[in-house]
C-alpha atoms as a PDB file:
ATOM      1  CA  MET A   1     -75.228 -41.565  16.540  1.00  0.00           C
ATOM      2  CA  THR A   2     -75.433 -45.274  15.930  1.00  0.00           C
ATOM      3  CA  ALA A   3     -73.644 -47.198  13.231  1.00  0.00           C
ATOM      4  CA  PRO A   4     -75.831 -48.726  10.530  1.00  0.00           C
ATOM      5  CA  SER A   5     -75.974 -52.513  10.423  1.00  0.00           C
ATOM      6  CA  LEU A   6     -73.687 -54.463   8.114  1.00  0.00           C
ATOM      7  CA  LYS A   7     -76.736 -55.579   6.134  1.00  0.00           C
ATOM      8  CA  ARG A   8     -77.816 -51.963   5.587  1.00  0.00           C
ATOM      9  CA  ARG A   9     -74.293 -50.850   4.661  1.00  0.00           C
ATOM     10  CA  MET A  10     -73.947 -53.673   2.131  1.00  0.00           C
ATOM     11  CA  ALA A  11     -77.410 -52.962   0.657  1.00  0.00           C
ATOM     12  CA  CYS A  12     -76.362 -49.327   0.247  1.00  0.00           C
ATOM     13  CA  TRP A  13     -73.109 -50.466  -1.363  1.00  0.00           C
ATOM     14  CA  LEU A  14     -75.009 -52.669  -3.841  1.00  0.00           C
ATOM     15  CA  TYR A  15     -77.396 -49.820  -4.706  1.00  0.00           C
ATOM     16  CA  GLU A  16     -74.428 -47.485  -5.133  1.00  0.00           C
ATOM     17  CA  GLY A  17     -72.957 -49.936  -7.627  1.00  0.00           C
ATOM     18  CA  MET A  18     -76.133 -49.895  -9.680  1.00  0.00           C
ATOM     19  CA  LEU A  19     -76.204 -46.088  -9.697  1.00  0.00           C
ATOM     20  CA  LEU A  20     -72.536 -45.951 -10.679  1.00  0.00           C
ATOM     21  CA  PHE A  21     -73.314 -47.975 -13.797  1.00  0.00           C
ATOM     22  CA  GLY A  22     -74.770 -44.792 -15.302  1.00  0.00           C
ATOM     23  CA  VAL A  23     -71.844 -42.640 -14.163  1.00  0.00           C
ATOM     24  CA  VAL A  24     -69.316 -45.084 -15.620  1.00  0.00           C
ATOM     25  CA  PHE A  25     -71.326 -45.564 -18.822  1.00  0.00           C
ATOM     26  CA  ILE A  26     -71.582 -41.830 -19.543  1.00  0.00           C
ATOM     27  CA  SER A  27     -67.943 -41.229 -18.565  1.00  0.00           C
ATOM     28  CA  GLY A  28     -66.750 -44.134 -20.709  1.00  0.00           C
ATOM     29  CA  TYR A  29     -68.794 -42.900 -23.654  1.00  0.00           C
ATOM     30  CA  LEU A  30     -67.370 -39.397 -23.238  1.00  0.00           C
ATOM     31  CA  PHE A  31     -63.794 -40.724 -23.071  1.00  0.00           C
ATOM     32  CA  SER A  32     -64.301 -43.033 -26.054  1.00  0.00           C
ATOM     33  CA  THR A  33     -65.805 -40.230 -28.132  1.00  0.00           C
ATOM     34  CA  LEU A  34     -63.138 -37.673 -27.276  1.00  0.00           C
ATOM     35  CA  SER A  35     -60.281 -40.141 -27.808  1.00  0.00           C
ATOM     36  CA  GLN A  36     -61.927 -41.499 -30.978  1.00  0.00           C
ATOM     37  CA  THR A  37     -61.619 -45.069 -29.738  1.00  0.00           C
ATOM     38  CA  LYS A  38     -62.329 -47.567 -32.522  1.00  0.00           C
ATOM     39  CA  HIS A  39     -61.774 -50.780 -30.550  1.00  0.00           C
ATOM     40  CA  ALA A  40     -62.800 -51.514 -26.954  1.00  0.00           C
ATOM     41  CA  LEU A  41     -59.218 -52.187 -25.844  1.00  0.00           C
ATOM     42  CA  ASP A  42     -57.737 -49.056 -27.446  1.00  0.00           C
ATOM     43  CA  HIS A  43     -56.587 -46.543 -24.848  1.00  0.00           C
ATOM     44  CA  ARG A  44     -57.502 -48.962 -22.036  1.00  0.00           C
ATOM     45  CA  PRO A  45     -55.043 -47.561 -19.432  1.00  0.00           C
ATOM     46  CA  GLY A  46     -56.212 -44.030 -20.240  1.00  0.00           C
ATOM     47  CA  MET A  47     -59.855 -45.074 -19.856  1.00  0.00           C
ATOM     48  CA  GLN A  48     -59.123 -46.729 -16.506  1.00  0.00           C
ATOM     49  CA  ALA A  49     -57.275 -43.660 -15.231  1.00  0.00           C
ATOM     50  CA  PHE A  50     -60.103 -41.407 -16.433  1.00  0.00           C
ATOM     51  CA  LEU A  51     -62.752 -43.534 -14.692  1.00  0.00           C
ATOM     52  CA  PHE A  52     -60.650 -43.621 -11.503  1.00  0.00           C
ATOM     53  CA  LEU A  53     -60.556 -39.814 -11.619  1.00  0.00           C
ATOM     54  CA  VAL A  54     -64.296 -39.477 -12.350  1.00  0.00           C
ATOM     55  CA  LEU A  55     -65.208 -41.849  -9.500  1.00  0.00           C
ATOM     56  CA  GLY A  56     -62.815 -39.971  -7.202  1.00  0.00           C
ATOM     57  CA  ILE A  57     -64.520 -36.679  -8.015  1.00  0.00           C
ATOM     58  CA  TYR A  58     -67.979 -38.256  -7.598  1.00  0.00           C
ATOM     59  CA  PHE A  59     -67.307 -39.767  -4.179  1.00  0.00           C
ATOM     60  CA  THR A  60     -65.192 -36.901  -2.842  1.00  0.00           C
ATOM     61  CA  TRP A  61     -67.858 -34.369  -3.777  1.00  0.00           C
ATOM     62  CA  PHE A  62     -70.796 -36.343  -2.344  1.00  0.00           C
ATOM     63  CA  TRP A  63     -69.027 -37.528   0.821  1.00  0.00           C
ATOM     64  CA  SER A  64     -67.840 -33.996   1.613  1.00  0.00           C
ATOM     65  CA  ARG A  65     -71.553 -33.101   1.574  1.00  0.00           C
ATOM     66  CA  GLY A  66     -72.375 -36.090   3.779  1.00  0.00           C
ATOM     67  CA  GLN A  67     -74.127 -38.590   1.513  1.00  0.00           C
ATOM     68  CA  THR A  68     -74.356 -40.079  -1.941  1.00  0.00           C
ATOM     69  CA  LEU A  69     -77.807 -40.785  -3.381  1.00  0.00           C
ATOM     70  CA  ALA A  70     -77.603 -44.404  -2.225  1.00  0.00           C
ATOM     71  CA  MET A  71     -76.594 -43.292   1.265  1.00  0.00           C
ATOM     72  CA  LYS A  72     -79.597 -40.939   1.383  1.00  0.00           C
ATOM     73  CA  THR A  73     -81.872 -43.819   0.405  1.00  0.00           C
ATOM     74  CA  TRP A  74     -80.515 -46.052   3.176  1.00  0.00           C
ATOM     75  CA  HIS A  75     -80.238 -43.185   5.718  1.00  0.00           C
ATOM     76  CA  ILE A  76     -76.470 -43.439   6.095  1.00  0.00           C
ATOM     77  CA  ARG A  77     -74.090 -40.511   6.485  1.00  0.00           C
ATOM     78  CA  ALA A  78     -70.282 -40.326   6.287  1.00  0.00           C
ATOM     79  CA  VAL A  79     -68.677 -38.261   9.045  1.00  0.00           C
ATOM     80  CA  ASP A  80     -65.231 -37.871  10.558  1.00  0.00           C
ATOM     81  CA  ALA A  81     -64.199 -39.452  13.862  1.00  0.00           C
ATOM     82  CA  ASN A  82     -65.742 -36.509  15.771  1.00  0.00           C
ATOM     83  CA  GLY A  83     -69.088 -36.738  13.981  1.00  0.00           C
ATOM     84  CA  GLN A  84     -68.413 -33.674  11.811  1.00  0.00           C
ATOM     85  CA  PRO A  85     -68.942 -33.541   8.035  1.00  0.00           C
ATOM     86  CA  LEU A  86     -65.983 -34.741   5.985  1.00  0.00           C
ATOM     87  CA  SER A  87     -63.600 -32.249   4.463  1.00  0.00           C
ATOM     88  CA  GLN A  88     -62.789 -32.771   0.801  1.00  0.00           C
ATOM     89  CA  ALA A  89     -59.293 -33.941   1.772  1.00  0.00           C
ATOM     90  CA  ARG A  90     -60.683 -36.514   4.224  1.00  0.00           C
ATOM     91  CA  ALA A  91     -63.263 -37.652   1.639  1.00  0.00           C
ATOM     92  CA  LEU A  92     -60.462 -38.102  -0.918  1.00  0.00           C
ATOM     93  CA  ILE A  93     -58.439 -40.158   1.578  1.00  0.00           C
ATOM     94  CA  ARG A  94     -61.529 -42.296   2.223  1.00  0.00           C
ATOM     95  CA  TYR A  95     -61.959 -42.806  -1.527  1.00  0.00           C
ATOM     96  CA  LEU A  96     -58.341 -43.888  -2.019  1.00  0.00           C
ATOM     97  CA  LEU A  97     -58.450 -46.259   0.952  1.00  0.00           C
ATOM     98  CA  SER A  98     -61.779 -47.714  -0.179  1.00  0.00           C
ATOM     99  CA  TRP A  99     -59.948 -49.330  -3.072  1.00  0.00           C
ATOM    100  CA  ALA A 100     -58.873 -51.969  -0.522  1.00  0.00           C
ATOM    101  CA  TRP A 101     -62.193 -53.580  -1.508  1.00  0.00           C
ATOM    102  CA  PHE A 102     -60.837 -54.326  -4.998  1.00  0.00           C
ATOM    103  CA  LEU A 103     -57.084 -53.848  -5.406  1.00  0.00           C
ATOM    104  CA  PRO A 104     -55.737 -56.884  -3.507  1.00  0.00           C
ATOM    105  CA  PRO A 105     -57.591 -59.501  -5.566  1.00  0.00           C
ATOM    106  CA  LEU A 106     -57.039 -57.625  -8.816  1.00  0.00           C
ATOM    107  CA  ALA A 107     -53.320 -57.166  -8.127  1.00  0.00           C
ATOM    108  CA  PHE A 108     -53.067 -60.867  -7.326  1.00  0.00           C
ATOM    109  CA  THR A 109     -54.810 -61.972 -10.514  1.00  0.00           C
ATOM    110  CA  VAL A 110     -52.942 -59.769 -13.023  1.00  0.00           C
ATOM    111  CA  PRO A 111     -49.600 -61.661 -12.923  1.00  0.00           C
ATOM    112  CA  PHE A 112     -51.371 -64.972 -13.526  1.00  0.00           C
ATOM    113  CA  ALA A 113     -53.510 -63.768 -16.477  1.00  0.00           C
ATOM    114  CA  LEU A 114     -56.597 -65.469 -15.075  1.00  0.00           C
ATOM    115  CA  PRO A 115     -59.839 -65.616 -17.066  1.00  0.00           C
ATOM    116  CA  ALA A 116     -62.491 -63.007 -16.263  1.00  0.00           C
ATOM    117  CA  ALA A 117     -64.748 -65.546 -14.522  1.00  0.00           C
ATOM    118  CA  GLU A 118     -61.995 -66.551 -12.096  1.00  0.00           C
ATOM    119  CA  VAL A 119     -61.117 -62.910 -11.419  1.00  0.00           C
ATOM    120  CA  GLY A 120     -64.795 -62.267 -10.672  1.00  0.00           C
ATOM    121  CA  VAL A 121     -64.998 -65.184  -8.221  1.00  0.00           C
ATOM    122  CA  ILE A 122     -61.778 -64.161  -6.464  1.00  0.00           C
ATOM    123  CA  THR A 123     -62.915 -60.529  -6.256  1.00  0.00           C
ATOM    124  CA  LEU A 124     -66.355 -61.487  -4.949  1.00  0.00           C
ATOM    125  CA  GLY A 125     -64.740 -63.761  -2.350  1.00  0.00           C
ATOM    126  CA  TRP A 126     -62.440 -60.940  -1.221  1.00  0.00           C
ATOM    127  CA  ILE A 127     -65.379 -58.516  -0.944  1.00  0.00           C
ATOM    128  CA  VAL A 128     -67.202 -60.976   1.321  1.00  0.00           C
ATOM    129  CA  ILE A 129     -64.079 -61.479   3.448  1.00  0.00           C
ATOM    130  CA  TRP A 130     -63.439 -57.719   3.625  1.00  0.00           C
ATOM    131  CA  ALA A 131     -67.037 -57.044   4.687  1.00  0.00           C
ATOM    132  CA  LEU A 132     -66.880 -59.746   7.364  1.00  0.00           C
ATOM    133  CA  LEU A 133     -63.589 -58.328   8.682  1.00  0.00           C
ATOM    134  CA  SER A 134     -65.561 -55.270   9.803  1.00  0.00           C
ATOM    135  CA  ARG A 135     -67.053 -57.516  12.497  1.00  0.00           C
ATOM    136  CA  PHE A 136     -63.611 -57.561  14.152  1.00  0.00           C
ATOM    137  CA  HIS A 137     -63.356 -53.788  14.426  1.00  0.00           C
ATOM    138  CA  PRO A 138     -64.380 -52.509  17.888  1.00  0.00           C
ATOM    139  CA  GLN A 139     -67.058 -50.184  16.420  1.00  0.00           C
ATOM    140  CA  LYS A 140     -67.937 -52.631  13.584  1.00  0.00           C
ATOM    141  CA  GLN A 141     -66.524 -50.217  10.984  1.00  0.00           C
ATOM    142  CA  PHE A 142     -65.089 -51.083   7.610  1.00  0.00           C
ATOM    143  CA  TRP A 143     -61.315 -50.945   7.885  1.00  0.00           C
ATOM    144  CA  HIS A 144     -60.878 -48.268   5.225  1.00  0.00           C
ATOM    145  CA  ASP A 145     -63.105 -46.010   7.359  1.00  0.00           C
ATOM    146  CA  ALA A 146     -61.009 -46.686  10.450  1.00  0.00           C
ATOM    147  CA  TRP A 147     -57.790 -45.916   8.542  1.00  0.00           C
ATOM    148  CA  ALA A 148     -59.267 -42.756   6.989  1.00  0.00           C
ATOM    149  CA  GLY A 149     -60.571 -41.443  10.322  1.00  0.00           C
ATOM    150  CA  THR A 150     -64.159 -41.591   9.083  1.00  0.00           C
ATOM    151  CA  ARG A 151     -67.223 -43.561   9.999  1.00  0.00           C
ATOM    152  CA  LEU A 152     -70.726 -44.249   8.796  1.00  0.00           C
ATOM    153  CA  ILE A 153     -73.655 -43.305  10.997  1.00  0.00           C
ATOM    154  CA  SER A 154     -77.405 -43.686  10.781  1.00  0.00           C
ATOM    155  CA  ALA A 155     -78.878 -40.473   9.435  1.00  0.00           C
ATOM    156  CA  ALA A 156     -82.498 -41.193  10.377  1.00  0.00           C
END
């Protein structure tokens, strides 16, 4: 069981983001309709919490079965440290820890009320740094995988 290359993992991550556009769009539409939102910023914290929950369900369900659609495309599988399929609890822990990709830059930018463009640049910079930090892990894993006791392997 070999680990997929960083390039392949990041390509899968990018593809996953494109697929999640549909999940987030439908979920956001559902929330907006049910809450009768008239303005885009109405019920914003509720919408964010709802999307966090929907994404948690999405990833926990797919990872506990081994792969998301993007992972199937790139022949990558999520397993525990022993190479076994993830339990739902372990998949949920992986989901929560995976927010390390986004929370630090977003938490840093909120107190300073930075414009969206600056937040985007800071977040993109952090994502690049976080991805490169995997090169310092002994098995070249992303750190949230190491902390969650999971790893990505080549499924082909």
